[in-house]
């Protein structure tokens, strides 16, 4: 998979910070989930996500640069096949939306659902696919894809601390597979445009807020 050169500061402290950042994020998210779960229960997803976005932004600003962001948002290279695959891997969420859209019945649900759907794809793709994959270009491609996708899935499993819907192997595996397909898409297209779009569809159609609140059960 060809890798376009990006101007990254690969000094040892910077690289080490990026390599440690997923563990830092997962640990902090876990602590926030436990502490806020005792206070506000399933609504703990709100402080988890807000703090997570702040952490993503910190590591991106600290270790990334403007050239990377321009590339992440550039026109995708290669075949439209990667757009199809990026969306196809998450197409099952459409059935969730069609079956449970009536749960969007109050502003307390709708507002955070829309905010998460429009903001989260950029924050997560910039970090998990953009920053981490750019900093692992010297690794074997398959290893970088597997490791970043595994960490991506582990981070989402933090929500299982307060939400029953996120517990179980199927959720972990599906998130892991999405991470793999989106990572390959980024490698192939040298852009995050398709993965951001696919991630938006997942957060939008998966009814993220109702799922965090266990308003519907696993298995749809």
N, C-alpha and C. Protein backbone atom coordinates (compact mmCIF):
# COMPACT_ATOMS: atom_id res chain seq x y z
N UNK A 1 0.84 -1.19 0.00
CA UNK A 1 0.00 0.00 0.00
C UNK A 1 0.88 1.24 0.00
N UNK A 2 0.83 2.05 -1.04
CA UNK A 2 1.70 3.22 -1.09
C UNK A 2 1.35 4.20 -0.01
N UNK A 3 2.37 4.82 0.56
CA UNK A 3 2.16 5.77 1.65
C UNK A 3 2.72 7.13 1.23
N UNK A 4 1.86 8.12 1.13
CA UNK A 4 2.28 9.46 0.77
C UNK A 4 3.07 10.06 1.92
N UNK A 5 4.17 10.74 1.60
CA UNK A 5 5.01 11.34 2.62
C UNK A 5 4.30 12.52 3.29
N UNK A 6 4.36 12.53 4.59
CA UNK A 6 3.77 13.61 5.36
C UNK A 6 4.84 14.18 6.26
N UNK A 7 4.85 15.49 6.41
CA UNK A 7 5.86 16.14 7.23
C UNK A 7 5.49 16.00 8.70
N UNK A 8 6.01 14.96 9.37
CA UNK A 8 5.74 14.70 10.77
C UNK A 8 7.04 14.81 11.55
N UNK A 9 6.97 15.38 12.72
CA UNK A 9 8.14 15.47 13.58
C UNK A 9 8.30 14.14 14.30
N UNK A 10 9.23 13.32 13.80
CA UNK A 10 9.39 11.98 14.36
C UNK A 10 10.46 11.93 15.44
N UNK A 11 10.56 12.97 16.27
CA UNK A 11 11.50 12.90 17.37
C UNK A 11 11.00 11.89 18.38
N UNK A 12 11.92 11.33 19.15
CA UNK A 12 11.58 10.23 20.04
C UNK A 12 10.49 10.58 21.06
N UNK A 13 10.57 11.72 21.76
CA UNK A 13 9.50 12.04 22.74
C UNK A 13 8.13 12.15 22.08
N UNK A 14 8.09 12.78 20.88
CA UNK A 14 6.82 12.95 20.18
C UNK A 14 6.24 11.61 19.76
N UNK A 15 7.08 10.75 19.21
CA UNK A 15 6.63 9.44 18.77
C UNK A 15 6.17 8.60 19.96
N UNK A 16 6.92 8.67 21.05
CA UNK A 16 6.56 7.91 22.25
C UNK A 16 5.22 8.37 22.80
N UNK A 17 4.98 9.68 22.78
CA UNK A 17 3.71 10.23 23.26
C UNK A 17 2.55 9.69 22.43
N UNK A 18 2.71 9.65 21.11
CA UNK A 18 1.65 9.14 20.25
C UNK A 18 1.41 7.66 20.49
N UNK A 19 2.49 6.89 20.65
CA UNK A 19 2.35 5.45 20.89
C UNK A 19 1.66 5.16 22.22
N UNK A 20 1.89 6.00 23.22
CA UNK A 20 1.28 5.80 24.53
C UNK A 20 -0.13 6.38 24.61
N UNK A 21 -0.46 7.28 23.71
CA UNK A 21 -1.72 8.02 23.80
C UNK A 21 -2.96 7.12 23.81
N UNK A 22 -3.04 6.03 23.03
CA UNK A 22 -4.26 5.21 23.11
C UNK A 22 -4.47 4.60 24.50
N UNK A 23 -3.38 4.17 25.13
CA UNK A 23 -3.48 3.59 26.48
C UNK A 23 -3.92 4.67 27.46
N UNK A 24 -3.36 5.86 27.33
CA UNK A 24 -3.74 6.99 28.20
C UNK A 24 -5.23 7.28 28.05
N UNK A 25 -5.69 7.33 26.79
CA UNK A 25 -7.10 7.65 26.53
C UNK A 25 -8.02 6.57 27.09
N UNK A 26 -7.69 5.31 26.86
CA UNK A 26 -8.52 4.21 27.35
C UNK A 26 -8.57 4.20 28.88
N UNK A 27 -7.44 4.45 29.53
CA UNK A 27 -7.40 4.48 30.99
C UNK A 27 -8.24 5.62 31.55
N UNK A 28 -8.08 6.81 30.97
CA UNK A 28 -8.85 7.97 31.45
C UNK A 28 -10.33 7.76 31.19
N UNK A 29 -10.68 7.25 30.01
CA UNK A 29 -12.09 6.98 29.71
C UNK A 29 -12.70 5.99 30.70
N UNK A 30 -11.92 4.98 31.07
CA UNK A 30 -12.41 3.97 32.02
C UNK A 30 -12.66 4.59 33.39
N UNK A 31 -11.74 5.43 33.83
CA UNK A 31 -11.90 6.10 35.13
C UNK A 31 -13.11 7.02 35.12
N UNK A 32 -13.26 7.79 34.03
CA UNK A 32 -14.41 8.69 33.91
C UNK A 32 -15.71 7.89 33.89
N UNK A 33 -15.71 6.77 33.17
CA UNK A 33 -16.92 5.94 33.09
C UNK A 33 -17.32 5.40 34.46
N UNK A 34 -16.35 4.97 35.23
CA UNK A 34 -16.64 4.42 36.56
C UNK A 34 -17.12 5.52 37.51
N UNK A 35 -16.39 6.63 37.56
CA UNK A 35 -16.74 7.71 38.49
C UNK A 35 -18.08 8.35 38.15
N UNK A 36 -18.27 8.72 36.89
CA UNK A 36 -19.52 9.38 36.52
C UNK A 36 -20.68 8.39 36.46
N UNK A 37 -20.36 7.11 36.22
CA UNK A 37 -21.41 6.11 36.23
C UNK A 37 -22.08 6.01 37.59
N UNK A 38 -21.32 6.24 38.65
CA UNK A 38 -21.87 6.20 40.00
C UNK A 38 -22.73 7.43 40.30
N UNK A 39 -22.50 8.48 39.53
CA UNK A 39 -23.21 9.74 39.80
C UNK A 39 -24.43 9.91 38.90
N UNK A 40 -24.22 9.71 37.59
CA UNK A 40 -25.31 9.97 36.64
C UNK A 40 -25.68 8.74 35.81
N UNK A 41 -25.17 7.58 36.23
CA UNK A 41 -25.57 6.34 35.58
C UNK A 41 -25.19 6.27 34.11
N UNK A 42 -26.14 5.87 33.27
CA UNK A 42 -25.87 5.67 31.85
C UNK A 42 -25.56 6.97 31.11
N UNK A 43 -25.95 8.09 31.68
CA UNK A 43 -25.64 9.38 31.07
C UNK A 43 -24.15 9.72 31.18
N UNK A 44 -23.38 8.85 31.79
CA UNK A 44 -21.93 9.06 31.89
C UNK A 44 -21.27 9.11 30.53
N UNK A 45 -21.97 8.66 29.48
CA UNK A 45 -21.37 8.73 28.14
C UNK A 45 -21.05 10.16 27.74
N UNK A 46 -21.79 11.14 28.29
CA UNK A 46 -21.55 12.54 27.91
C UNK A 46 -20.18 13.02 28.40
N UNK A 47 -19.84 12.93 29.70
CA UNK A 47 -18.49 13.34 30.10
C UNK A 47 -17.40 12.47 29.47
N UNK A 48 -17.69 11.20 29.25
CA UNK A 48 -16.68 10.34 28.60
C UNK A 48 -16.33 10.90 27.23
N UNK A 49 -17.33 11.20 26.44
CA UNK A 49 -17.10 11.66 25.07
C UNK A 49 -16.47 13.04 25.05
N UNK A 50 -16.93 13.95 25.92
CA UNK A 50 -16.36 15.29 25.94
C UNK A 50 -14.89 15.26 26.32
N UNK A 51 -14.55 14.51 27.36
CA UNK A 51 -13.15 14.40 27.78
C UNK A 51 -12.33 13.69 26.71
N UNK A 52 -12.92 12.69 26.08
CA UNK A 52 -12.23 11.97 25.00
C UNK A 52 -11.92 12.91 23.84
N UNK A 53 -12.88 13.74 23.45
CA UNK A 53 -12.63 14.69 22.36
C UNK A 53 -11.49 15.65 22.72
N UNK A 54 -11.46 16.08 23.96
CA UNK A 54 -10.38 16.97 24.41
C UNK A 54 -9.02 16.27 24.32
N UNK A 55 -8.99 14.99 24.68
CA UNK A 55 -7.75 14.22 24.59
C UNK A 55 -7.33 14.03 23.13
N UNK A 56 -8.29 13.70 22.27
CA UNK A 56 -7.99 13.58 20.85
C UNK A 56 -7.38 14.88 20.33
N UNK A 57 -8.04 15.99 20.65
CA UNK A 57 -7.57 17.30 20.18
C UNK A 57 -6.18 17.61 20.70
N UNK A 58 -5.92 17.28 21.96
CA UNK A 58 -4.61 17.54 22.54
C UNK A 58 -3.51 16.79 21.79
N UNK A 59 -3.71 15.50 21.57
CA UNK A 59 -2.68 14.70 20.91
C UNK A 59 -2.52 15.09 19.44
N UNK A 60 -3.61 15.46 18.78
CA UNK A 60 -3.53 15.87 17.39
C UNK A 60 -2.76 17.19 17.27
N UNK A 61 -3.08 18.15 18.13
CA UNK A 61 -2.39 19.44 18.10
C UNK A 61 -0.93 19.30 18.53
N UNK A 62 -0.69 18.47 19.54
CA UNK A 62 0.65 18.29 20.08
C UNK A 62 1.57 17.57 19.09
N UNK A 63 1.05 16.57 18.40
CA UNK A 63 1.92 15.71 17.60
C UNK A 63 1.64 15.75 16.10
N UNK A 64 0.58 16.41 15.68
CA UNK A 64 0.26 16.51 14.26
C UNK A 64 0.66 17.86 13.70
N UNK A 65 0.23 18.13 12.48
CA UNK A 65 0.50 19.44 11.88
C UNK A 65 -0.54 19.75 10.81
N UNK A 66 -0.48 20.97 10.28
CA UNK A 66 -1.48 21.41 9.31
C UNK A 66 -1.44 20.60 8.02
N UNK A 67 -0.23 20.18 7.62
CA UNK A 67 -0.12 19.38 6.39
C UNK A 67 -0.91 18.09 6.50
N UNK A 68 -0.84 17.46 7.67
CA UNK A 68 -1.60 16.24 7.88
C UNK A 68 -3.09 16.48 7.76
N UNK A 69 -3.58 17.51 8.43
CA UNK A 69 -5.02 17.79 8.42
C UNK A 69 -5.50 18.07 7.00
N UNK A 70 -4.69 18.82 6.23
CA UNK A 70 -5.07 19.09 4.84
C UNK A 70 -5.15 17.79 4.05
N UNK A 71 -4.20 16.88 4.30
CA UNK A 71 -4.22 15.61 3.60
C UNK A 71 -5.41 14.77 4.03
N UNK A 72 -5.72 14.76 5.34
CA UNK A 72 -6.85 13.98 5.83
C UNK A 72 -8.16 14.39 5.16
N UNK A 73 -8.27 15.69 4.84
CA UNK A 73 -9.50 16.21 4.26
C UNK A 73 -9.41 16.38 2.74
N UNK A 74 -8.35 15.87 2.15
CA UNK A 74 -8.15 16.02 0.71
C UNK A 74 -9.06 15.07 -0.07
N UNK A 75 -9.10 15.27 -1.39
CA UNK A 75 -9.91 14.41 -2.25
C UNK A 75 -9.31 13.01 -2.24
N UNK A 76 -10.12 11.98 -1.99
CA UNK A 76 -9.60 10.61 -1.94
C UNK A 76 -9.00 10.17 -3.27
N UNK A 77 -7.92 9.44 -3.20
CA UNK A 77 -7.30 8.86 -4.39
C UNK A 77 -7.87 7.45 -4.61
N UNK A 78 -7.68 6.92 -5.79
CA UNK A 78 -8.05 5.55 -6.03
C UNK A 78 -9.52 5.35 -6.37
N UNK A 79 -9.95 4.11 -6.27
CA UNK A 79 -11.29 3.70 -6.69
C UNK A 79 -12.37 4.05 -5.68
N UNK A 80 -13.59 4.24 -6.19
CA UNK A 80 -14.75 4.44 -5.33
C UNK A 80 -15.12 3.17 -4.56
N UNK A 81 -14.44 2.07 -4.90
CA UNK A 81 -14.65 0.82 -4.18
C UNK A 81 -14.44 1.02 -2.69
N UNK A 82 -13.50 1.88 -2.32
CA UNK A 82 -13.18 2.09 -0.90
C UNK A 82 -14.30 2.85 -0.19
N UNK A 83 -15.00 3.70 -0.92
CA UNK A 83 -16.19 4.35 -0.36
C UNK A 83 -17.25 3.29 -0.10
N UNK A 84 -17.47 2.42 -1.08
CA UNK A 84 -18.47 1.37 -0.94
C UNK A 84 -18.16 0.46 0.24
N UNK A 85 -16.90 0.03 0.35
CA UNK A 85 -16.52 -0.88 1.44
C UNK A 85 -16.63 -0.20 2.80
N UNK A 86 -16.25 1.06 2.87
CA UNK A 86 -16.30 1.79 4.14
C UNK A 86 -17.73 1.89 4.66
N UNK A 87 -18.67 2.09 3.75
CA UNK A 87 -20.07 2.22 4.14
C UNK A 87 -20.69 0.83 4.34
N UNK A 88 -20.32 -0.12 3.48
CA UNK A 88 -20.90 -1.46 3.56
C UNK A 88 -20.64 -2.12 4.91
N UNK A 89 -19.43 -1.94 5.46
CA UNK A 89 -19.06 -2.60 6.71
C UNK A 89 -19.95 -2.14 7.86
N UNK A 90 -20.56 -0.97 7.69
CA UNK A 90 -21.40 -0.44 8.77
C UNK A 90 -22.88 -0.38 8.38
N UNK A 91 -23.24 -1.02 7.27
CA UNK A 91 -24.60 -0.88 6.74
C UNK A 91 -25.67 -1.50 7.65
N UNK A 92 -25.25 -2.40 8.54
CA UNK A 92 -26.21 -3.01 9.45
C UNK A 92 -26.89 -2.01 10.36
N UNK A 93 -26.26 -0.87 10.58
CA UNK A 93 -26.84 0.15 11.46
C UNK A 93 -28.12 0.73 10.87
N UNK A 94 -28.30 0.62 9.56
CA UNK A 94 -29.53 1.12 8.94
C UNK A 94 -30.76 0.41 9.51
N UNK A 95 -30.63 -0.89 9.75
CA UNK A 95 -31.75 -1.66 10.29
C UNK A 95 -32.08 -1.22 11.72
N UNK A 96 -31.04 -0.83 12.47
CA UNK A 96 -31.26 -0.32 13.82
C UNK A 96 -32.08 0.96 13.76
N UNK A 97 -31.70 1.86 12.85
CA UNK A 97 -32.41 3.13 12.72
C UNK A 97 -33.87 2.91 12.32
N UNK A 98 -34.09 2.07 11.33
CA UNK A 98 -35.45 1.84 10.84
C UNK A 98 -36.34 1.22 11.91
N UNK A 99 -35.76 0.42 12.78
CA UNK A 99 -36.55 -0.26 13.81
C UNK A 99 -36.78 0.60 15.04
N UNK A 100 -35.83 1.51 15.34
CA UNK A 100 -35.89 2.21 16.62
C UNK A 100 -35.88 3.74 16.51
N UNK A 101 -36.10 4.29 15.33
CA UNK A 101 -36.04 5.74 15.17
C UNK A 101 -37.03 6.47 16.06
N UNK A 102 -38.11 5.78 16.47
CA UNK A 102 -39.12 6.41 17.33
C UNK A 102 -38.56 6.76 18.70
N UNK A 103 -37.38 6.24 19.04
CA UNK A 103 -36.76 6.58 20.32
C UNK A 103 -36.24 8.02 20.33
N UNK A 104 -36.16 8.64 19.16
CA UNK A 104 -35.74 10.04 19.08
C UNK A 104 -36.97 10.90 19.34
N UNK A 105 -37.39 10.92 20.59
CA UNK A 105 -38.68 11.52 20.93
C UNK A 105 -38.61 12.69 21.91
N UNK A 106 -37.37 13.18 22.16
CA UNK A 106 -37.24 14.33 23.05
C UNK A 106 -35.94 15.07 22.74
N UNK A 107 -35.90 16.33 23.11
CA UNK A 107 -34.70 17.11 22.80
C UNK A 107 -33.50 16.60 23.56
N UNK A 108 -33.71 16.01 24.76
CA UNK A 108 -32.59 15.48 25.54
C UNK A 108 -31.88 14.33 24.80
N UNK A 109 -32.62 13.65 23.94
CA UNK A 109 -32.05 12.57 23.14
C UNK A 109 -31.54 13.10 21.81
N UNK A 110 -32.33 13.93 21.16
CA UNK A 110 -32.02 14.39 19.79
C UNK A 110 -30.78 15.28 19.75
N UNK A 111 -30.66 16.23 20.68
CA UNK A 111 -29.54 17.18 20.63
C UNK A 111 -28.19 16.48 20.77
N UNK A 112 -27.95 15.67 21.82
CA UNK A 112 -26.66 14.99 21.90
C UNK A 112 -26.44 13.98 20.77
N UNK A 113 -27.52 13.36 20.29
CA UNK A 113 -27.41 12.42 19.16
C UNK A 113 -26.87 13.13 17.92
N UNK A 114 -27.41 14.31 17.60
CA UNK A 114 -26.96 15.06 16.42
C UNK A 114 -25.55 15.60 16.62
N UNK A 115 -25.27 16.13 17.81
CA UNK A 115 -23.92 16.67 18.07
C UNK A 115 -22.87 15.57 17.93
N UNK A 116 -23.18 14.41 18.49
CA UNK A 116 -22.23 13.31 18.41
C UNK A 116 -22.05 12.85 16.97
N UNK A 117 -23.15 12.76 16.22
CA UNK A 117 -23.08 12.29 14.84
C UNK A 117 -22.25 13.20 13.95
N UNK A 118 -22.31 14.52 14.20
CA UNK A 118 -21.62 15.47 13.33
C UNK A 118 -20.20 15.79 13.79
N UNK A 119 -19.90 15.64 15.06
CA UNK A 119 -18.57 15.99 15.57
C UNK A 119 -17.67 14.77 15.72
N UNK A 120 -18.23 13.71 16.29
CA UNK A 120 -17.42 12.55 16.63
C UNK A 120 -16.67 11.91 15.46
N UNK A 121 -17.27 11.79 14.27
CA UNK A 121 -16.53 11.17 13.16
C UNK A 121 -15.22 11.89 12.83
N UNK A 122 -15.21 13.21 12.89
CA UNK A 122 -13.99 13.96 12.62
C UNK A 122 -12.95 13.71 13.72
N UNK A 123 -13.38 13.80 14.97
CA UNK A 123 -12.44 13.63 16.08
C UNK A 123 -11.84 12.23 16.09
N UNK A 124 -12.69 11.22 15.93
CA UNK A 124 -12.19 9.84 15.99
C UNK A 124 -11.34 9.49 14.78
N UNK A 125 -11.76 9.87 13.58
CA UNK A 125 -10.99 9.52 12.39
C UNK A 125 -9.67 10.27 12.34
N UNK A 126 -9.66 11.53 12.75
CA UNK A 126 -8.40 12.29 12.80
C UNK A 126 -7.41 11.59 13.72
N UNK A 127 -7.92 11.06 14.82
CA UNK A 127 -7.01 10.43 15.79
C UNK A 127 -6.69 8.98 15.43
N UNK A 128 -7.72 8.10 15.38
CA UNK A 128 -7.48 6.66 15.24
C UNK A 128 -6.90 6.29 13.89
N UNK A 129 -7.43 6.86 12.81
CA UNK A 129 -6.90 6.54 11.49
C UNK A 129 -5.81 7.52 11.07
N UNK A 130 -6.04 8.82 11.28
CA UNK A 130 -5.08 9.81 10.82
C UNK A 130 -3.77 9.82 11.59
N UNK A 131 -3.81 10.29 12.82
CA UNK A 131 -2.59 10.46 13.61
C UNK A 131 -1.88 9.14 13.85
N UNK A 132 -2.60 8.14 14.34
CA UNK A 132 -1.94 6.88 14.69
C UNK A 132 -1.35 6.17 13.47
N UNK A 133 -2.07 6.14 12.37
CA UNK A 133 -1.54 5.47 11.18
C UNK A 133 -0.40 6.25 10.55
N UNK A 134 -0.44 7.58 10.65
CA UNK A 134 0.68 8.37 10.13
C UNK A 134 1.95 8.14 10.94
N UNK A 135 1.79 7.87 12.21
CA UNK A 135 2.95 7.66 13.08
C UNK A 135 3.43 6.20 13.09
N UNK A 136 2.73 5.34 12.36
CA UNK A 136 3.15 3.94 12.29
C UNK A 136 3.50 3.54 10.86
N UNK A 137 3.87 4.50 10.04
CA UNK A 137 4.20 4.20 8.64
C UNK A 137 5.45 3.34 8.53
N UNK A 138 6.30 3.34 9.54
CA UNK A 138 7.51 2.51 9.50
C UNK A 138 7.24 1.09 9.97
N UNK A 139 6.06 0.85 10.51
CA UNK A 139 5.67 -0.50 10.90
C UNK A 139 5.24 -1.25 9.64
N UNK A 140 5.15 -2.57 9.74
CA UNK A 140 4.52 -3.33 8.68
C UNK A 140 3.06 -2.89 8.59
N UNK A 141 2.57 -2.72 7.38
CA UNK A 141 1.23 -2.17 7.19
C UNK A 141 0.17 -2.97 7.92
N UNK A 142 0.23 -4.30 7.82
CA UNK A 142 -0.78 -5.14 8.46
C UNK A 142 -0.76 -4.98 9.97
N UNK A 143 0.45 -4.80 10.53
CA UNK A 143 0.58 -4.66 11.97
C UNK A 143 -0.02 -3.34 12.44
N UNK A 144 0.26 -2.25 11.72
CA UNK A 144 -0.30 -0.94 12.07
C UNK A 144 -1.82 -0.98 12.03
N UNK A 145 -2.38 -1.62 11.00
CA UNK A 145 -3.83 -1.71 10.86
C UNK A 145 -4.46 -2.52 11.99
N UNK A 146 -3.86 -3.67 12.31
CA UNK A 146 -4.39 -4.53 13.36
C UNK A 146 -4.31 -3.85 14.72
N UNK A 147 -3.16 -3.28 15.04
CA UNK A 147 -2.96 -2.68 16.37
C UNK A 147 -3.89 -1.49 16.57
N UNK A 148 -3.95 -0.57 15.60
CA UNK A 148 -4.80 0.61 15.76
C UNK A 148 -6.28 0.24 15.80
N UNK A 149 -6.67 -0.77 15.04
CA UNK A 149 -8.07 -1.21 15.04
C UNK A 149 -8.43 -1.90 16.35
N UNK A 150 -7.50 -2.65 16.89
CA UNK A 150 -7.72 -3.31 18.18
C UNK A 150 -7.89 -2.28 19.29
N UNK A 151 -7.05 -1.27 19.30
CA UNK A 151 -7.14 -0.20 20.30
C UNK A 151 -8.43 0.60 20.13
N UNK A 152 -8.83 0.81 18.88
CA UNK A 152 -10.08 1.49 18.56
C UNK A 152 -11.26 0.73 19.17
N UNK A 153 -11.25 -0.59 19.02
CA UNK A 153 -12.33 -1.42 19.57
C UNK A 153 -12.30 -1.44 21.09
N UNK A 154 -11.11 -1.54 21.67
CA UNK A 154 -10.98 -1.55 23.13
C UNK A 154 -11.50 -0.24 23.72
N UNK A 155 -11.22 0.86 23.07
CA UNK A 155 -11.68 2.16 23.58
C UNK A 155 -13.20 2.23 23.58
N UNK A 156 -13.84 1.69 22.55
CA UNK A 156 -15.30 1.71 22.50
C UNK A 156 -15.91 0.78 23.55
N UNK A 157 -15.15 -0.24 23.92
CA UNK A 157 -15.66 -1.18 24.91
C UNK A 157 -15.77 -0.55 26.30
N UNK A 158 -15.15 0.61 26.49
CA UNK A 158 -15.26 1.34 27.75
C UNK A 158 -16.72 1.66 28.06
N UNK A 159 -17.52 1.88 27.01
CA UNK A 159 -18.93 2.21 27.22
C UNK A 159 -19.70 1.05 27.83
N UNK A 160 -19.12 -0.16 27.75
CA UNK A 160 -19.78 -1.32 28.35
C UNK A 160 -19.81 -1.24 29.87
N UNK A 161 -19.01 -0.37 30.45
CA UNK A 161 -19.00 -0.21 31.91
C UNK A 161 -20.38 0.23 32.41
N UNK A 162 -21.06 1.06 31.61
CA UNK A 162 -22.36 1.56 32.04
C UNK A 162 -23.52 1.13 31.14
N UNK A 163 -23.21 0.64 29.97
CA UNK A 163 -24.26 0.28 29.02
C UNK A 163 -24.22 -1.21 28.71
N UNK A 164 -25.32 -1.89 28.95
CA UNK A 164 -25.40 -3.33 28.69
C UNK A 164 -25.31 -3.62 27.19
N UNK A 165 -25.79 -2.70 26.37
CA UNK A 165 -25.81 -2.90 24.92
C UNK A 165 -24.41 -3.06 24.35
N UNK A 166 -23.42 -2.43 25.00
CA UNK A 166 -22.05 -2.46 24.49
C UNK A 166 -21.26 -3.65 25.02
N UNK A 167 -21.89 -4.49 25.84
CA UNK A 167 -21.20 -5.65 26.37
C UNK A 167 -21.31 -6.84 25.42
N UNK A 168 -20.30 -7.68 25.47
CA UNK A 168 -20.34 -8.87 24.63
C UNK A 168 -19.38 -8.80 23.46
N UNK A 169 -18.99 -9.95 22.98
CA UNK A 169 -18.01 -10.07 21.91
C UNK A 169 -18.49 -9.49 20.58
N UNK A 170 -19.77 -9.62 20.21
CA UNK A 170 -20.21 -9.11 18.90
C UNK A 170 -19.93 -7.61 18.71
N UNK A 171 -20.15 -6.80 19.74
CA UNK A 171 -19.89 -5.36 19.63
C UNK A 171 -18.41 -5.10 19.42
N UNK A 172 -17.58 -5.82 20.19
CA UNK A 172 -16.13 -5.65 20.06
C UNK A 172 -15.65 -6.05 18.67
N UNK A 173 -16.14 -7.18 18.17
CA UNK A 173 -15.70 -7.67 16.86
C UNK A 173 -16.15 -6.73 15.75
N UNK A 174 -17.39 -6.27 15.81
CA UNK A 174 -17.90 -5.38 14.76
C UNK A 174 -17.11 -4.07 14.72
N UNK A 175 -16.79 -3.52 15.90
CA UNK A 175 -16.00 -2.29 15.95
C UNK A 175 -14.59 -2.52 15.43
N UNK A 176 -14.02 -3.67 15.78
CA UNK A 176 -12.69 -4.04 15.31
C UNK A 176 -12.66 -4.16 13.79
N UNK A 177 -13.67 -4.80 13.21
CA UNK A 177 -13.72 -4.97 11.76
C UNK A 177 -13.91 -3.63 11.05
N UNK A 178 -14.74 -2.75 11.62
CA UNK A 178 -14.89 -1.42 11.04
C UNK A 178 -13.56 -0.68 11.05
N UNK A 179 -12.83 -0.80 12.16
CA UNK A 179 -11.53 -0.16 12.26
C UNK A 179 -10.57 -0.66 11.19
N UNK A 180 -10.59 -1.96 10.93
CA UNK A 180 -9.71 -2.53 9.91
C UNK A 180 -10.05 -1.99 8.52
N UNK A 181 -11.32 -2.04 8.15
CA UNK A 181 -11.75 -1.58 6.83
C UNK A 181 -11.46 -0.09 6.67
N UNK A 182 -11.73 0.70 7.69
CA UNK A 182 -11.48 2.14 7.59
C UNK A 182 -9.99 2.45 7.54
N UNK A 183 -9.18 1.67 8.23
CA UNK A 183 -7.74 1.87 8.19
C UNK A 183 -7.20 1.55 6.80
N UNK A 184 -7.66 0.46 6.21
CA UNK A 184 -7.23 0.10 4.85
C UNK A 184 -7.68 1.18 3.86
N UNK A 185 -8.90 1.68 4.05
CA UNK A 185 -9.41 2.74 3.18
C UNK A 185 -8.53 3.97 3.23
N UNK A 186 -8.11 4.36 4.43
CA UNK A 186 -7.22 5.51 4.57
C UNK A 186 -5.88 5.25 3.88
N UNK A 187 -5.34 4.06 4.07
CA UNK A 187 -4.07 3.70 3.45
C UNK A 187 -4.16 3.76 1.93
N UNK A 188 -5.28 3.31 1.39
CA UNK A 188 -5.47 3.24 -0.06
C UNK A 188 -5.79 4.60 -0.68
N UNK A 189 -6.59 5.40 0.01
CA UNK A 189 -7.06 6.66 -0.58
C UNK A 189 -6.27 7.87 -0.16
N UNK A 190 -5.46 7.74 0.90
CA UNK A 190 -4.68 8.84 1.47
C UNK A 190 -5.57 10.01 1.85
N UNK A 191 -6.76 9.70 2.29
CA UNK A 191 -7.72 10.71 2.73
C UNK A 191 -8.66 10.06 3.74
N UNK A 192 -9.18 10.88 4.65
CA UNK A 192 -10.15 10.38 5.63
C UNK A 192 -11.59 10.70 5.24
N UNK A 193 -11.77 11.23 4.03
CA UNK A 193 -13.11 11.66 3.62
C UNK A 193 -14.12 10.53 3.68
N UNK A 194 -13.77 9.38 3.10
CA UNK A 194 -14.73 8.27 3.07
C UNK A 194 -14.94 7.68 4.46
N UNK A 195 -13.90 7.61 5.26
CA UNK A 195 -14.06 7.02 6.60
C UNK A 195 -14.85 7.95 7.51
N UNK A 196 -14.69 9.24 7.36
CA UNK A 196 -15.49 10.19 8.14
C UNK A 196 -16.96 10.05 7.78
N UNK A 197 -17.24 9.94 6.48
CA UNK A 197 -18.63 9.76 6.03
C UNK A 197 -19.21 8.47 6.59
N UNK A 198 -18.44 7.37 6.49
CA UNK A 198 -18.92 6.08 6.99
C UNK A 198 -19.13 6.13 8.50
N UNK A 199 -18.21 6.78 9.21
CA UNK A 199 -18.31 6.89 10.67
C UNK A 199 -19.53 7.72 11.05
N UNK A 200 -19.80 8.78 10.28
CA UNK A 200 -20.99 9.59 10.52
C UNK A 200 -22.25 8.73 10.40
N UNK A 201 -22.31 7.91 9.37
CA UNK A 201 -23.49 7.06 9.16
C UNK A 201 -23.68 6.09 10.32
N UNK A 202 -22.57 5.55 10.84
CA UNK A 202 -22.66 4.64 11.98
C UNK A 202 -23.23 5.36 13.20
N UNK A 203 -22.67 6.52 13.54
CA UNK A 203 -23.12 7.25 14.72
C UNK A 203 -24.56 7.75 14.56
N UNK A 204 -24.93 8.12 13.33
CA UNK A 204 -26.27 8.63 13.07
C UNK A 204 -27.30 7.50 13.07
N UNK A 205 -27.02 6.45 12.30
CA UNK A 205 -28.00 5.36 12.15
C UNK A 205 -28.03 4.43 13.34
N UNK A 206 -26.92 4.34 14.07
CA UNK A 206 -26.87 3.46 15.24
C UNK A 206 -27.62 4.04 16.43
N UNK A 207 -28.17 5.26 16.25
CA UNK A 207 -28.88 5.92 17.34
C UNK A 207 -28.02 5.92 18.60
N UNK A 208 -26.86 6.56 18.48
CA UNK A 208 -25.83 6.49 19.51
C UNK A 208 -26.35 6.76 20.92
N UNK A 209 -27.10 7.82 21.10
CA UNK A 209 -27.57 8.17 22.45
C UNK A 209 -28.55 7.13 22.99
N UNK A 210 -29.57 6.72 22.23
CA UNK A 210 -30.43 5.64 22.73
C UNK A 210 -29.66 4.36 23.03
N UNK A 211 -28.59 4.09 22.27
CA UNK A 211 -27.81 2.88 22.54
C UNK A 211 -27.02 3.02 23.84
N UNK A 212 -26.44 4.20 24.10
CA UNK A 212 -25.72 4.42 25.34
C UNK A 212 -26.66 4.27 26.54
N UNK A 213 -27.92 4.66 26.34
CA UNK A 213 -28.89 4.63 27.43
C UNK A 213 -29.63 3.29 27.52
N UNK A 214 -29.26 2.34 26.67
CA UNK A 214 -29.90 1.02 26.63
C UNK A 214 -31.42 1.12 26.39
N UNK A 215 -31.80 2.02 25.50
CA UNK A 215 -33.22 2.17 25.20
C UNK A 215 -33.70 1.09 24.24
N UNK A 216 -32.78 0.37 23.62
CA UNK A 216 -33.14 -0.83 22.88
C UNK A 216 -32.12 -1.91 23.21
N UNK A 217 -32.44 -3.13 22.91
CA UNK A 217 -31.60 -4.25 23.32
C UNK A 217 -30.70 -4.73 22.19
N UNK A 218 -29.60 -5.38 22.54
CA UNK A 218 -28.71 -5.97 21.55
C UNK A 218 -29.49 -6.98 20.72
N UNK A 219 -29.15 -7.07 19.44
CA UNK A 219 -29.88 -7.95 18.55
C UNK A 219 -30.96 -7.19 17.79
N UNK A 220 -31.05 -5.83 18.11
CA UNK A 220 -31.97 -4.93 17.42
C UNK A 220 -33.41 -5.20 17.81
